[in-house]
Amino acid sequence: MRTLMNRTLGVSLLAGSLALSLSANAAEGLYSADDLMDAEVYDSNGEEIGEVDDILLGDDMSLHSIVIETGGVLGLGGREVVAERGSFTVKQQKGRANFKDTEFEVRMSDDKDSVKDLPEYDEGWWNQTRQGLSQAWENTQDTSSNLWEDTKEATAAGWRNVRQGAADLGEETEEATHEAAEETEEATDETEREMEGTR
């Protein structure tokens, strides 16, 4: 039961991430991981090079890459190679748009010679990619944390500057008011003396 639930959840998450991760010209709205598995893969010239053997997700549950089993079509002797998101598009095969009868095809952005240079799907690639993605995730979290701390510090400094500016302005206003009052008093006294002298 738990395995079925995990598989169902995984397929749902994958379908959502595929819909968000694939090229705009391939958008069908919703993709089934089950239907995408074993989909035929073509190079940029339309030559079949293999089929989808696996779908790999990153920590954020979005599509990271697909594994293509070449099956010797290009003389690669049945290698499994990795194509990262952005290097392919997914299209629905024409006339296959029914709920239970949907088939997809994958179109690579490279020709067969470039596809031959794709990394092989093996433990070395897996470990290196997993470590790189984990480090990138940690860096993102560290950067986010540092940005938050910097933002809090800058905001606090800004408020301190505003308060100090207001206090300084208040003191300057008080001094100016006091000076104006003294000048007004002196002017009033002088006017009174002049008026007394004219009487």
Protein backbone atom coordinates (compact mmCIF):
# COMPACT_ATOMS: atom_id res chain seq x y z
CA MET A 1 0.00 0.00 0.00
CA ARG A 2 2.77 2.44 0.95
CA THR A 3 4.71 1.64 -2.22
CA LEU A 4 1.60 2.27 -4.33
CA MET A 5 0.97 5.56 -2.52
CA ASN A 6 4.61 6.65 -2.96
CA ARG A 7 4.49 5.72 -6.64
CA THR A 8 1.20 7.60 -7.10
CA LEU A 9 2.58 10.66 -5.30
CA GLY A 10 5.83 10.43 -7.26
CA VAL A 11 4.00 10.23 -10.59
CA SER A 12 1.79 13.19 -9.60
CA LEU A 13 4.78 15.30 -8.57
CA LEU A 14 6.66 14.28 -11.70
CA ALA A 15 3.75 15.14 -13.94
CA GLY A 16 3.57 18.58 -12.36
CA SER A 17 7.30 19.18 -12.60
CA LEU A 18 7.36 18.02 -16.22
CA ALA A 19 4.55 20.39 -17.09
CA LEU A 20 6.51 23.27 -15.54
CA SER A 21 9.94 22.21 -16.74
CA LEU A 22 9.53 21.45 -20.41
CA SER A 23 9.86 23.80 -23.33
CA ALA A 24 6.92 26.10 -24.09
CA ASN A 25 6.57 24.74 -27.62
CA ALA A 26 6.03 21.27 -26.13
CA ALA A 27 3.40 22.27 -23.60
CA GLU A 28 0.51 19.85 -23.41
CA GLY A 29 -0.52 20.92 -19.92
CA LEU A 30 -0.06 17.61 -18.15
CA TYR A 31 2.39 14.76 -18.59
CA SER A 32 2.23 11.22 -17.29
CA ALA A 33 5.56 9.76 -16.16
CA ASP A 34 4.22 6.34 -17.04
CA ASP A 35 3.48 7.47 -20.61
CA LEU A 36 6.85 9.22 -20.88
CA MET A 37 8.74 6.08 -19.89
CA ASP A 38 9.84 4.19 -23.00
CA ALA A 39 8.98 7.18 -25.23
CA GLU A 40 11.01 7.23 -28.42
CA VAL A 41 13.86 9.75 -28.49
CA TYR A 42 14.90 11.55 -31.69
CA ASP A 43 17.88 13.78 -32.46
CA SER A 44 17.47 17.28 -33.94
CA ASN A 45 17.39 15.80 -37.46
CA GLY A 46 14.51 13.45 -36.61
CA GLU A 47 16.60 10.26 -36.43
CA GLU A 48 15.57 7.86 -33.68
CA ILE A 49 18.36 7.41 -31.14
CA GLY A 50 16.69 5.41 -28.37
CA GLU A 51 14.01 5.58 -25.72
CA VAL A 52 13.45 7.09 -22.28
CA ASP A 53 14.69 4.62 -19.66
CA ASP A 54 14.42 6.75 -16.50
CA ILE A 55 13.31 10.18 -15.28
CA LEU A 56 15.47 11.96 -12.69
CA LEU A 57 14.19 14.63 -10.27
CA GLY A 58 16.12 17.17 -8.21
CA ASP A 59 15.60 18.02 -4.52
CA ASP A 60 12.90 20.50 -5.47
CA MET A 61 11.00 17.67 -7.24
CA SER A 62 11.39 19.30 -10.65
CA LEU A 63 12.68 17.44 -13.66
CA HIS A 64 16.49 17.36 -13.70
CA SER A 65 17.14 15.00 -16.60
CA ILE A 66 16.09 11.90 -18.46
CA VAL A 67 18.09 8.73 -19.04
CA ILE A 68 18.08 7.57 -22.65
CA GLU A 69 18.79 3.96 -23.53
CA THR A 70 20.37 4.21 -26.93
CA GLY A 71 20.00 0.54 -27.78
CA GLY A 72 22.77 0.65 -30.34
CA VAL A 73 20.81 2.84 -32.74
CA LEU A 74 23.78 5.16 -33.09
CA GLY A 75 26.38 2.48 -32.68
CA LEU A 76 26.65 3.28 -29.00
CA GLY A 77 26.16 -0.38 -28.05
CA GLY A 78 23.14 0.09 -25.81
CA ARG A 79 24.57 2.80 -23.57
CA GLU A 80 22.46 4.71 -21.11
CA VAL A 81 23.14 8.44 -21.41
CA VAL A 82 21.83 11.45 -19.50
CA ALA A 83 20.10 14.40 -21.15
CA GLU A 84 19.56 17.34 -18.81
CA ARG A 85 16.46 19.53 -18.80
CA GLY A 86 16.72 22.15 -21.49
CA SER A 87 18.43 19.84 -23.99
CA PHE A 88 15.16 18.25 -25.13
CA THR A 89 11.46 18.84 -25.62
CA VAL A 90 8.54 16.46 -25.21
CA LYS A 91 5.76 16.31 -27.78
CA GLN A 92 2.59 14.30 -27.89
CA GLN A 93 2.45 11.98 -30.86
CA LYS A 94 -0.25 13.07 -33.29
CA GLY A 95 -3.55 11.28 -32.95
CA ARG A 96 -2.66 9.91 -29.51
CA ALA A 97 -4.40 12.40 -27.21
CA ASN A 98 -6.80 10.16 -25.32
CA PHE A 99 -6.56 9.84 -21.55
CA LYS A 100 -5.53 6.18 -21.60
CA ASP A 101 -3.91 6.22 -25.02
CA THR A 102 -1.36 9.06 -24.89
CA GLU A 103 2.11 8.60 -26.28
CA PHE A 104 4.96 11.08 -26.25
CA GLU A 105 8.17 11.49 -28.16
CA VAL A 106 11.29 13.28 -27.02
CA ARG A 107 13.16 15.61 -29.38
CA MET A 108 16.79 16.39 -28.56
CA SER A 109 18.15 19.84 -29.44
CA ASP A 110 21.43 18.22 -30.64
CA ASP A 111 22.25 16.03 -33.60
CA LYS A 112 23.34 12.39 -33.21
CA ASP A 113 27.06 13.27 -33.07
CA SER A 114 26.49 15.59 -30.09
CA VAL A 115 24.19 13.06 -28.45
CA LYS A 116 27.06 10.55 -28.53
CA ASP A 117 28.95 12.93 -26.22
CA LEU A 118 26.26 12.94 -23.51
CA PRO A 119 27.49 11.63 -20.14
CA GLU A 120 26.96 7.97 -19.43
CA TYR A 121 24.44 7.16 -16.73
CA ASP A 122 26.52 5.34 -14.16
CA GLU A 123 27.39 5.49 -10.48
CA GLY A 124 30.16 8.04 -11.06
CA TRP A 125 27.78 10.43 -12.85
CA TRP A 126 25.11 9.85 -10.18
CA ASN A 127 27.43 10.60 -7.26
CA GLN A 128 29.00 13.65 -8.89
CA THR A 129 25.64 15.13 -9.92
CA ARG A 130 24.00 14.38 -6.56
CA GLN A 131 26.91 16.01 -4.72
CA GLY A 132 26.82 19.04 -7.05
CA LEU A 133 23.08 19.49 -6.60
CA SER A 134 23.34 19.08 -2.82
CA GLN A 135 26.10 21.69 -2.69
CA ALA A 136 24.08 24.05 -4.89
CA TRP A 137 21.08 23.58 -2.57
CA GLU A 138 23.21 24.32 0.51
CA ASN A 139 24.69 27.38 -1.19
CA THR A 140 21.20 28.61 -2.04
CA GLN A 141 20.11 28.17 1.58
CA ASP A 142 23.27 29.92 2.85
CA THR A 143 22.82 32.75 0.37
CA SER A 144 19.16 33.13 1.32
CA SER A 145 20.06 33.17 5.00
CA ASN A 146 22.84 35.72 4.45
CA LEU A 147 20.55 37.89 2.32
CA TRP A 148 17.91 37.79 5.05
CA GLU A 149 20.45 38.79 7.71
CA ASP A 150 21.81 41.57 5.45
CA THR A 151 18.27 42.80 4.80
CA LYS A 152 17.43 42.84 8.51
CA GLU A 153 20.67 44.68 9.28
CA ALA A 154 20.14 47.22 6.51
CA THR A 155 16.55 47.81 7.58
CA ALA A 156 17.57 48.30 11.20
CA ALA A 157 20.35 50.71 10.14
CA GLY A 158 17.85 52.58 7.97
CA TRP A 159 15.43 52.98 10.87
CA ARG A 160 18.26 54.13 13.16
CA ASN A 161 19.21 56.75 10.56
CA VAL A 162 15.59 57.91 10.23
CA ARG A 163 15.21 58.18 14.01
CA GLN A 164 18.50 60.08 14.32
CA GLY A 165 17.52 62.35 11.43
CA ALA A 166 14.18 63.05 13.06
CA ALA A 167 15.89 63.77 16.39
CA ASP A 168 18.40 66.06 14.68
CA LEU A 169 15.62 67.79 12.80
CA GLY A 170 13.68 68.19 16.04
CA GLU A 171 16.71 69.80 17.73
CA GLU A 172 17.30 72.07 14.73
CA THR A 173 13.63 73.03 14.69
CA GLU A 174 13.69 73.77 18.41
CA GLU A 175 16.84 75.90 18.02
CA ALA A 176 15.36 77.73 15.04
CA THR A 177 12.11 78.33 16.93
CA HIS A 178 14.04 79.62 19.95
CA GLU A 179 16.14 81.92 17.74
CA ALA A 180 13.03 83.17 15.95
CA ALA A 181 11.33 83.83 19.29
CA GLU A 182 14.37 85.78 20.53
CA GLU A 183 14.52 87.78 17.29
CA THR A 184 10.78 88.47 17.52
CA GLU A 185 11.17 89.59 21.14
CA GLU A 186 14.09 91.86 20.24
CA ALA A 187 12.16 93.30 17.30
CA THR A 188 9.14 93.89 19.54
CA ASP A 189 11.31 95.62 22.17
CA GLU A 190 12.94 97.80 19.53
CA THR A 191 9.55 98.72 18.05
CA GLU A 192 8.26 99.63 21.51
CA ARG A 193 11.34 101.83 22.17
CA GLU A 194 10.88 103.56 18.85
CA MET A 195 7.22 104.16 19.56
CA GLU A 196 8.03 105.59 23.01
CA GLY A 197 10.62 107.89 21.46
CA THR A 198 8.09 109.28 18.98
CA ARG A 199 5.53 110.17 21.64
